[in-house]
C-alpha cells in the first residue's frame, strides 16, 4: 500500500506485486472537510486508514517522505497527519518504508525531476489502465506503491546475489 500523506487529502494506492507484475487493487483518497477542527480531521484520517488496512491487509506500507519547502506551519500539520496515517500500520506491526519524491520519480520515469504528468502517465502504463488515476493524490500514492514494489524486487535480487557470492 502506498500513501501520499496530507491532512486535507490523503492518497492511497493498493497494488499486488508478483513476479515483476503489478495489479492495481484500489486507488483512492481520505478527505477531511476544511471546516472541521484540525484534531477531528486527524481522527478521521486515523480511523479511515485503520479501516483501509483492515480491509486490504497490505504486507507493507510505503509512504512519501516529507520535506519542508517554505511554509513550516503547513509542514508541521502534514507531519502530524502523516503520524496518524501511519499509526494503524505501526499498531499492526506492518513494515513502513519511506521514499522521497525524487526517488519515486526516478523509479517510475527514470528521471528524478520528471513532471507530475509524466509520472501519472507511466503509472497508467505500468498498471495497464485506460486512464490516468484521479485525483492526483491517489495517483501519487499508487506511484509510491509501485516504487516500493520495484525497490523490493531490487532488494530480493541483491539478496540472491549476496547468497550466491558466499
N, C-alpha and C. Protein backbone atom coordinates (compact mmCIF):
# COMPACT_ATOMS: atom_id res chain seq x y z
N UNK A 1 0.86 -1.18 0.00
CA UNK A 1 0.00 0.00 0.00
C UNK A 1 0.90 1.23 0.00
N UNK A 2 0.62 2.13 -0.91
CA UNK A 2 1.33 3.40 -0.97
C UNK A 2 0.47 4.50 -0.39
N UNK A 3 1.10 5.44 0.29
CA UNK A 3 0.37 6.54 0.93
C UNK A 3 1.02 7.87 0.58
N UNK A 4 0.20 8.81 0.14
CA UNK A 4 0.61 10.19 -0.08
C UNK A 4 -0.02 11.00 1.04
N UNK A 5 0.76 11.34 2.08
CA UNK A 5 0.16 11.94 3.29
C UNK A 5 -0.29 13.38 3.09
N UNK A 6 -1.26 13.76 3.89
CA UNK A 6 -1.78 15.12 3.92
C UNK A 6 -2.83 15.19 5.01
N UNK A 7 -3.40 16.36 5.23
CA UNK A 7 -4.48 16.44 6.21
C UNK A 7 -5.80 16.84 5.57
N UNK A 8 -5.77 17.43 4.40
CA UNK A 8 -6.99 17.70 3.65
C UNK A 8 -7.35 16.49 2.81
N UNK A 9 -6.32 15.93 2.17
CA UNK A 9 -6.49 14.74 1.34
C UNK A 9 -5.30 13.81 1.57
N UNK A 10 -5.59 12.57 1.88
CA UNK A 10 -4.57 11.52 1.97
C UNK A 10 -4.83 10.60 0.78
N UNK A 11 -3.83 10.42 -0.05
CA UNK A 11 -3.96 9.48 -1.15
C UNK A 11 -3.50 8.10 -0.73
N UNK A 12 -4.16 7.08 -1.25
CA UNK A 12 -3.70 5.71 -1.01
C UNK A 12 -3.82 4.91 -2.30
N UNK A 13 -2.92 3.97 -2.44
CA UNK A 13 -2.92 3.08 -3.59
C UNK A 13 -2.52 1.69 -3.15
N UNK A 14 -3.30 0.72 -3.56
CA UNK A 14 -3.03 -0.67 -3.20
C UNK A 14 -2.76 -1.44 -4.48
N UNK A 15 -1.62 -2.12 -4.50
CA UNK A 15 -1.27 -2.95 -5.64
C UNK A 15 -0.86 -4.34 -5.14
N UNK A 16 -1.05 -5.29 -6.02
CA UNK A 16 -0.49 -6.61 -5.78
C UNK A 16 0.72 -6.71 -6.69
N UNK A 17 1.81 -7.19 -6.14
CA UNK A 17 3.04 -7.29 -6.91
C UNK A 17 3.52 -8.73 -6.88
N UNK A 18 3.65 -9.32 -8.05
CA UNK A 18 4.08 -10.70 -8.12
C UNK A 18 4.87 -10.93 -9.41
N UNK A 19 6.06 -11.47 -9.27
CA UNK A 19 6.91 -11.83 -10.41
C UNK A 19 7.09 -10.67 -11.39
N UNK A 20 7.36 -9.49 -10.85
CA UNK A 20 7.61 -8.33 -11.70
C UNK A 20 6.39 -7.69 -12.31
N UNK A 21 5.21 -8.11 -11.89
CA UNK A 21 3.98 -7.58 -12.48
C UNK A 21 3.11 -6.93 -11.39
N UNK A 22 2.60 -5.76 -11.69
CA UNK A 22 1.73 -5.03 -10.77
C UNK A 22 0.28 -5.18 -11.20
N UNK A 23 -0.58 -5.46 -10.23
CA UNK A 23 -2.02 -5.49 -10.46
C UNK A 23 -2.66 -4.44 -9.56
N UNK A 24 -3.33 -3.45 -10.14
CA UNK A 24 -3.97 -2.44 -9.29
C UNK A 24 -5.16 -3.05 -8.54
N UNK A 25 -5.24 -2.78 -7.26
CA UNK A 25 -6.35 -3.25 -6.44
C UNK A 25 -7.32 -2.10 -6.16
N UNK A 26 -6.77 -0.98 -5.67
CA UNK A 26 -7.63 0.17 -5.34
C UNK A 26 -6.77 1.41 -5.21
N UNK A 27 -7.27 2.51 -5.73
CA UNK A 27 -6.65 3.83 -5.54
C UNK A 27 -7.76 4.75 -5.07
N UNK A 28 -7.46 5.56 -4.08
CA UNK A 28 -8.48 6.47 -3.57
C UNK A 28 -7.91 7.50 -2.64
N UNK A 29 -8.80 8.19 -1.98
CA UNK A 29 -8.39 9.24 -1.05
C UNK A 29 -9.24 9.20 0.22
N UNK A 30 -8.64 9.71 1.26
CA UNK A 30 -9.34 10.04 2.50
C UNK A 30 -9.41 11.56 2.51
N UNK A 31 -10.60 12.10 2.56
CA UNK A 31 -10.77 13.55 2.55
C UNK A 31 -11.33 14.01 3.89
N UNK A 32 -10.81 15.14 4.35
CA UNK A 32 -11.34 15.75 5.57
C UNK A 32 -11.83 17.16 5.25
N UNK A 33 -13.00 17.54 5.74
CA UNK A 33 -13.53 18.87 5.46
C UNK A 33 -12.66 19.97 6.06
N UNK A 34 -12.44 21.01 5.29
CA UNK A 34 -11.57 22.10 5.75
C UNK A 34 -12.17 22.86 6.93
N UNK A 35 -13.49 22.78 7.11
CA UNK A 35 -14.12 23.48 8.24
C UNK A 35 -14.14 22.64 9.51
N UNK A 36 -13.62 21.42 9.45
CA UNK A 36 -13.57 20.55 10.63
C UNK A 36 -12.34 20.91 11.45
N UNK A 37 -12.49 20.94 12.75
CA UNK A 37 -11.38 21.21 13.67
C UNK A 37 -10.21 20.27 13.34
N UNK A 38 -9.00 20.79 13.40
CA UNK A 38 -7.82 20.03 12.96
C UNK A 38 -7.70 18.68 13.66
N UNK A 39 -7.85 18.64 14.97
CA UNK A 39 -7.72 17.37 15.68
C UNK A 39 -8.79 16.36 15.26
N UNK A 40 -9.96 16.84 14.90
CA UNK A 40 -11.01 15.94 14.42
C UNK A 40 -10.67 15.42 13.02
N UNK A 41 -9.98 16.25 12.25
CA UNK A 41 -9.52 15.81 10.93
C UNK A 41 -8.51 14.66 11.10
N UNK A 42 -7.63 14.80 12.09
CA UNK A 42 -6.66 13.74 12.36
C UNK A 42 -7.37 12.45 12.76
N UNK A 43 -8.42 12.57 13.52
CA UNK A 43 -9.19 11.39 13.94
C UNK A 43 -9.82 10.70 12.73
N UNK A 44 -10.37 11.48 11.82
CA UNK A 44 -10.97 10.92 10.59
C UNK A 44 -9.90 10.15 9.81
N UNK A 45 -8.74 10.76 9.65
CA UNK A 45 -7.65 10.12 8.90
C UNK A 45 -7.25 8.81 9.56
N UNK A 46 -7.07 8.85 10.87
CA UNK A 46 -6.67 7.65 11.61
C UNK A 46 -7.68 6.52 11.43
N UNK A 47 -8.95 6.83 11.67
CA UNK A 47 -9.98 5.80 11.61
C UNK A 47 -10.16 5.25 10.18
N UNK A 48 -10.12 6.14 9.19
CA UNK A 48 -10.26 5.68 7.81
C UNK A 48 -9.06 4.82 7.39
N UNK A 49 -7.87 5.23 7.78
CA UNK A 49 -6.68 4.45 7.43
C UNK A 49 -6.71 3.10 8.14
N UNK A 50 -7.15 3.09 9.36
CA UNK A 50 -7.28 1.83 10.09
C UNK A 50 -8.24 0.88 9.35
N UNK A 51 -9.35 1.42 8.88
CA UNK A 51 -10.31 0.63 8.11
C UNK A 51 -9.73 0.11 6.81
N UNK A 52 -8.97 0.96 6.11
CA UNK A 52 -8.35 0.52 4.85
C UNK A 52 -7.34 -0.60 5.07
N UNK A 53 -6.54 -0.47 6.12
CA UNK A 53 -5.55 -1.50 6.41
C UNK A 53 -6.24 -2.81 6.80
N UNK A 54 -7.29 -2.72 7.58
CA UNK A 54 -8.02 -3.92 7.97
C UNK A 54 -8.69 -4.57 6.74
N UNK A 55 -9.18 -3.76 5.83
CA UNK A 55 -9.87 -4.28 4.64
C UNK A 55 -8.89 -4.91 3.64
N UNK A 56 -7.83 -4.18 3.29
CA UNK A 56 -6.92 -4.63 2.24
C UNK A 56 -5.79 -5.52 2.75
N UNK A 57 -5.49 -5.46 4.03
CA UNK A 57 -4.44 -6.29 4.64
C UNK A 57 -3.12 -6.24 3.87
N UNK A 58 -2.54 -5.06 3.69
CA UNK A 58 -1.27 -4.98 2.96
C UNK A 58 -0.14 -5.66 3.74
N UNK A 59 0.85 -6.15 3.00
CA UNK A 59 2.03 -6.74 3.63
C UNK A 59 2.98 -5.67 4.14
N UNK A 60 3.00 -4.54 3.41
CA UNK A 60 3.91 -3.45 3.74
C UNK A 60 3.27 -2.13 3.36
N UNK A 61 3.77 -1.08 3.97
CA UNK A 61 3.30 0.28 3.69
C UNK A 61 4.47 1.10 3.16
N UNK A 62 4.23 1.84 2.10
CA UNK A 62 5.22 2.77 1.56
C UNK A 62 4.61 4.16 1.63
N UNK A 63 5.39 5.12 2.07
CA UNK A 63 4.87 6.47 2.27
C UNK A 63 5.87 7.48 1.74
N UNK A 64 5.33 8.59 1.27
CA UNK A 64 6.21 9.66 0.80
C UNK A 64 6.89 10.30 2.00
N UNK A 65 8.19 10.45 1.88
CA UNK A 65 8.98 11.11 2.92
C UNK A 65 8.73 12.61 2.83
N UNK A 66 8.51 13.22 3.96
CA UNK A 66 8.20 14.65 3.98
C UNK A 66 9.45 15.50 3.80
N UNK A 67 9.28 16.60 3.15
CA UNK A 67 10.31 17.62 3.08
C UNK A 67 9.61 18.96 3.21
N UNK A 68 10.26 19.90 3.85
CA UNK A 68 9.65 21.21 4.08
C UNK A 68 10.18 22.20 3.07
N UNK A 69 9.25 22.87 2.42
CA UNK A 69 9.64 23.93 1.49
C UNK A 69 9.71 25.25 2.25
N UNK A 70 8.70 26.08 2.10
CA UNK A 70 8.74 27.39 2.72
C UNK A 70 7.78 27.53 3.89
N UNK A 71 6.65 26.85 3.86
CA UNK A 71 5.64 27.02 4.89
C UNK A 71 5.79 25.97 5.98
N UNK A 72 6.51 26.30 7.03
CA UNK A 72 6.79 25.36 8.11
C UNK A 72 5.52 24.97 8.86
N UNK A 73 4.56 25.88 8.98
CA UNK A 73 3.31 25.57 9.69
C UNK A 73 2.53 24.49 8.97
N UNK A 74 2.41 24.62 7.67
CA UNK A 74 1.74 23.58 6.89
C UNK A 74 2.50 22.27 7.00
N UNK A 75 3.81 22.34 6.95
CA UNK A 75 4.64 21.15 7.07
C UNK A 75 4.43 20.43 8.38
N UNK A 76 4.30 21.17 9.46
CA UNK A 76 4.05 20.57 10.77
C UNK A 76 2.70 19.89 10.79
N UNK A 77 1.68 20.52 10.23
CA UNK A 77 0.35 19.92 10.17
C UNK A 77 0.37 18.64 9.33
N UNK A 78 1.07 18.66 8.20
CA UNK A 78 1.17 17.46 7.36
C UNK A 78 1.92 16.37 8.13
N UNK A 79 2.95 16.74 8.87
CA UNK A 79 3.70 15.76 9.65
C UNK A 79 2.81 15.10 10.71
N UNK A 80 1.95 15.89 11.34
CA UNK A 80 1.03 15.32 12.32
C UNK A 80 0.05 14.36 11.63
N UNK A 81 -0.45 14.75 10.48
CA UNK A 81 -1.37 13.89 9.74
C UNK A 81 -0.65 12.61 9.30
N UNK A 82 0.57 12.76 8.91
CA UNK A 82 1.37 11.59 8.49
C UNK A 82 1.52 10.61 9.65
N UNK A 83 1.72 11.15 10.83
CA UNK A 83 1.84 10.29 12.02
C UNK A 83 0.59 9.47 12.27
N UNK A 84 -0.57 10.11 12.23
CA UNK A 84 -1.81 9.35 12.48
C UNK A 84 -2.15 8.44 11.30
N UNK A 85 -1.66 8.78 10.11
CA UNK A 85 -1.86 7.92 8.95
C UNK A 85 -1.09 6.62 9.12
N UNK A 86 0.11 6.72 9.66
CA UNK A 86 0.97 5.54 9.82
C UNK A 86 0.70 4.76 11.09
N UNK A 87 0.07 5.37 12.07
CA UNK A 87 -0.15 4.70 13.36
C UNK A 87 -0.88 3.36 13.23
N UNK A 88 -1.95 3.25 12.43
CA UNK A 88 -2.59 1.94 12.31
C UNK A 88 -1.64 0.86 11.77
N UNK A 89 -0.77 1.22 10.86
CA UNK A 89 0.22 0.28 10.32
C UNK A 89 1.20 -0.14 11.41
N UNK A 90 1.67 0.83 12.16
CA UNK A 90 2.62 0.56 13.24
C UNK A 90 1.96 -0.33 14.30
N UNK A 91 0.71 -0.06 14.62
CA UNK A 91 0.00 -0.85 15.63
C UNK A 91 -0.19 -2.30 15.17
N UNK A 92 -0.20 -2.54 13.87
CA UNK A 92 -0.33 -3.90 13.36
C UNK A 92 1.03 -4.49 12.95
N UNK A 93 2.11 -3.81 13.35
CA UNK A 93 3.47 -4.28 13.09
C UNK A 93 3.78 -4.45 11.60
N UNK A 94 3.17 -3.61 10.78
CA UNK A 94 3.48 -3.64 9.35
C UNK A 94 4.77 -2.87 9.08
N UNK A 95 5.63 -3.40 8.24
CA UNK A 95 6.83 -2.64 7.88
C UNK A 95 6.44 -1.38 7.10
N UNK A 96 7.10 -0.27 7.42
CA UNK A 96 6.85 1.01 6.76
C UNK A 96 8.15 1.46 6.08
N UNK A 97 8.04 1.81 4.81
CA UNK A 97 9.19 2.27 4.02
C UNK A 97 8.90 3.67 3.51
N UNK A 98 9.95 4.49 3.45
CA UNK A 98 9.80 5.89 3.02
C UNK A 98 10.55 6.12 1.72
N UNK A 99 9.94 6.94 0.87
CA UNK A 99 10.56 7.30 -0.40
C UNK A 99 10.38 8.80 -0.64
N UNK A 100 11.44 9.44 -1.07
CA UNK A 100 11.36 10.86 -1.40
C UNK A 100 10.68 11.03 -2.75
N UNK A 101 10.15 12.22 -3.02
CA UNK A 101 9.59 12.46 -4.36
C UNK A 101 10.61 12.19 -5.47
N UNK A 102 11.86 12.53 -5.24
CA UNK A 102 12.93 12.28 -6.22
C UNK A 102 13.08 10.78 -6.48
N UNK A 103 13.04 9.97 -5.43
CA UNK A 103 13.14 8.52 -5.59
C UNK A 103 11.95 7.97 -6.38
N UNK A 104 10.76 8.48 -6.08
CA UNK A 104 9.56 8.00 -6.77
C UNK A 104 9.65 8.34 -8.25
N UNK A 105 9.99 9.58 -8.57
CA UNK A 105 10.08 9.99 -9.97
C UNK A 105 11.17 9.21 -10.70
N UNK A 106 12.30 9.00 -10.06
CA UNK A 106 13.38 8.23 -10.67
C UNK A 106 12.96 6.80 -10.93
N UNK A 107 12.26 6.22 -9.98
CA UNK A 107 11.81 4.84 -10.09
C UNK A 107 10.78 4.66 -11.20
N UNK A 108 9.84 5.57 -11.27
CA UNK A 108 8.73 5.44 -12.22
C UNK A 108 9.10 5.90 -13.63
N UNK A 109 9.77 7.04 -13.72
CA UNK A 109 10.06 7.64 -15.04
C UNK A 109 11.52 7.45 -15.45
N UNK A 110 12.39 7.27 -14.46
CA UNK A 110 13.82 7.17 -14.77
C UNK A 110 14.52 8.50 -14.69
N UNK A 111 13.80 9.52 -14.23
CA UNK A 111 14.35 10.88 -14.14
C UNK A 111 13.75 11.54 -12.91
N UNK A 112 14.60 11.93 -11.96
CA UNK A 112 14.15 12.46 -10.68
C UNK A 112 13.43 13.79 -10.73
N UNK A 113 13.55 14.49 -11.85
CA UNK A 113 12.90 15.79 -11.96
C UNK A 113 11.78 15.76 -12.99
N UNK A 114 11.21 14.59 -13.19
CA UNK A 114 10.11 14.42 -14.13
C UNK A 114 8.90 15.24 -13.69
N UNK A 115 8.09 15.61 -14.65
CA UNK A 115 6.85 16.33 -14.38
C UNK A 115 5.80 15.35 -13.85
N UNK A 116 4.87 15.89 -13.05
CA UNK A 116 3.80 15.07 -12.48
C UNK A 116 3.04 14.30 -13.56
N UNK A 117 2.77 14.94 -14.68
CA UNK A 117 2.03 14.31 -15.77
C UNK A 117 2.78 13.10 -16.32
N UNK A 118 4.11 13.20 -16.40
CA UNK A 118 4.92 12.08 -16.86
C UNK A 118 4.80 10.88 -15.91
N UNK A 119 4.85 11.16 -14.63
CA UNK A 119 4.73 10.11 -13.62
C UNK A 119 3.36 9.46 -13.72
N UNK A 120 2.32 10.27 -13.82
CA UNK A 120 0.97 9.75 -13.91
C UNK A 120 0.78 8.87 -15.15
N UNK A 121 1.35 9.29 -16.26
CA UNK A 121 1.23 8.51 -17.49
C UNK A 121 1.98 7.19 -17.38
N UNK A 122 3.14 7.19 -16.75
CA UNK A 122 3.89 5.94 -16.57
C UNK A 122 3.16 4.99 -15.62
N UNK A 123 2.55 5.53 -14.57
CA UNK A 123 1.76 4.70 -13.65
C UNK A 123 0.61 4.07 -14.43
N UNK A 124 -0.07 4.86 -15.24
CA UNK A 124 -1.17 4.35 -16.06
C UNK A 124 -0.68 3.20 -16.95
N UNK A 125 0.45 3.41 -17.59
CA UNK A 125 1.01 2.42 -18.49
C UNK A 125 1.45 1.15 -17.74
N UNK A 126 2.13 1.32 -16.63
CA UNK A 126 2.62 0.16 -15.86
C UNK A 126 1.49 -0.69 -15.31
N UNK A 127 0.36 -0.05 -15.03
CA UNK A 127 -0.79 -0.77 -14.48
C UNK A 127 -1.79 -1.18 -15.57
N UNK A 128 -1.47 -0.86 -16.82
CA UNK A 128 -2.33 -1.20 -17.97
C UNK A 128 -3.74 -0.65 -17.79
N UNK A 129 -3.81 0.62 -17.40
CA UNK A 129 -5.09 1.28 -17.20
C UNK A 129 -5.47 2.09 -18.43
N UNK A 130 -6.74 2.28 -18.64
CA UNK A 130 -7.21 3.06 -19.78
C UNK A 130 -6.99 4.56 -19.56
N UNK A 131 -7.08 5.00 -18.29
CA UNK A 131 -6.96 6.42 -17.98
C UNK A 131 -6.02 6.63 -16.80
N UNK A 132 -5.52 7.85 -16.70
CA UNK A 132 -4.70 8.26 -15.56
C UNK A 132 -5.56 8.21 -14.31
N UNK A 133 -4.96 7.78 -13.22
CA UNK A 133 -5.67 7.74 -11.93
C UNK A 133 -5.95 9.15 -11.46
N UNK A 134 -7.16 9.37 -11.01
CA UNK A 134 -7.57 10.66 -10.44
C UNK A 134 -8.15 10.42 -9.07
N UNK A 135 -8.04 11.33 -8.15
CA UNK A 135 -7.30 12.59 -8.21
C UNK A 135 -5.78 12.37 -8.09
N UNK A 136 -5.03 13.45 -8.19
CA UNK A 136 -3.57 13.40 -8.16
C UNK A 136 -3.04 12.69 -6.92
N UNK A 137 -3.69 12.90 -5.78
CA UNK A 137 -3.21 12.30 -4.52
C UNK A 137 -3.25 10.77 -4.60
N UNK A 138 -4.29 10.23 -5.21
CA UNK A 138 -4.40 8.77 -5.39
C UNK A 138 -3.35 8.28 -6.38
N UNK A 139 -3.13 9.04 -7.46
CA UNK A 139 -2.11 8.68 -8.44
C UNK A 139 -0.72 8.70 -7.81
N UNK A 140 -0.46 9.71 -6.99
CA UNK A 140 0.83 9.79 -6.31
C UNK A 140 1.04 8.61 -5.37
N UNK A 141 -0.01 8.23 -4.66
CA UNK A 141 0.08 7.09 -3.74
C UNK A 141 0.35 5.80 -4.51
N UNK A 142 -0.27 5.65 -5.66
CA UNK A 142 -0.04 4.46 -6.47
C UNK A 142 1.40 4.44 -6.98
N UNK A 143 1.92 5.60 -7.34
CA UNK A 143 3.32 5.69 -7.76
C UNK A 143 4.26 5.29 -6.62
N UNK A 144 3.92 5.66 -5.40
CA UNK A 144 4.72 5.28 -4.23
C UNK A 144 4.66 3.77 -4.03
N UNK A 145 3.47 3.18 -4.19
CA UNK A 145 3.32 1.73 -4.04
C UNK A 145 4.15 1.00 -5.10
N UNK A 146 4.12 1.49 -6.33
CA UNK A 146 4.91 0.86 -7.40
C UNK A 146 6.40 1.01 -7.12
N UNK A 147 6.80 2.19 -6.68
CA UNK A 147 8.21 2.41 -6.33
C UNK A 147 8.67 1.40 -5.29
N UNK A 148 7.82 1.16 -4.31
CA UNK A 148 8.19 0.20 -3.27
C UNK A 148 8.30 -1.21 -3.86
N UNK A 149 7.37 -1.58 -4.72
CA UNK A 149 7.46 -2.90 -5.35
C UNK A 149 8.74 -3.07 -6.14
N UNK A 150 9.11 -2.06 -6.89
CA UNK A 150 10.35 -2.11 -7.66
C UNK A 150 11.56 -2.17 -6.74
N UNK A 151 11.50 -1.43 -5.66
CA UNK A 151 12.59 -1.43 -4.67
C UNK A 151 12.69 -2.79 -3.99
N UNK A 152 11.55 -3.37 -3.67
CA UNK A 152 11.50 -4.69 -3.05
C UNK A 152 12.10 -5.73 -3.98
N UNK A 153 11.77 -5.63 -5.25
CA UNK A 153 12.32 -6.55 -6.24
C UNK A 153 13.84 -6.44 -6.30
N UNK A 154 14.33 -5.20 -6.30
CA UNK A 154 15.78 -4.97 -6.33
C UNK A 154 16.44 -5.57 -5.09
N UNK A 155 15.82 -5.38 -3.91
CA UNK A 155 16.39 -5.95 -2.68
C UNK A 155 16.44 -7.48 -2.75
N UNK A 156 15.41 -8.09 -3.30
CA UNK A 156 15.38 -9.57 -3.40
C UNK A 156 16.47 -10.07 -4.35
N UNK A 157 16.65 -9.38 -5.46
CA UNK A 157 17.70 -9.76 -6.40
C UNK A 157 19.06 -9.64 -5.73
N UNK A 158 19.27 -8.56 -4.99
CA UNK A 158 20.55 -8.35 -4.31
C UNK A 158 20.79 -9.41 -3.24
N UNK A 159 19.73 -9.81 -2.53
CA UNK A 159 19.87 -10.85 -1.51
C UNK A 159 20.29 -12.17 -2.16
N UNK A 160 19.70 -12.50 -3.30
CA UNK A 160 20.08 -13.72 -4.01
C UNK A 160 21.53 -13.64 -4.48
N UNK A 161 21.92 -12.46 -4.96
CA UNK A 161 23.28 -12.25 -5.41
C UNK A 161 24.26 -12.42 -4.25
N UNK A 162 23.92 -11.84 -3.10
CA UNK A 162 24.78 -11.94 -1.91
C UNK A 162 24.91 -13.38 -1.45
N UNK A 163 23.80 -14.14 -1.47
CA UNK A 163 23.84 -15.55 -1.06
C UNK A 163 24.70 -16.37 -2.01
N UNK A 164 24.57 -16.07 -3.31
CA UNK A 164 25.35 -16.81 -4.31
C UNK A 164 26.84 -16.50 -4.20
N UNK A 165 27.16 -15.29 -3.79
CA UNK A 165 28.55 -14.87 -3.67
C UNK A 165 29.24 -15.50 -2.46
N UNK A 166 28.44 -15.93 -1.49
CA UNK A 166 29.03 -16.51 -0.26
C UNK A 166 29.43 -17.91 -0.42
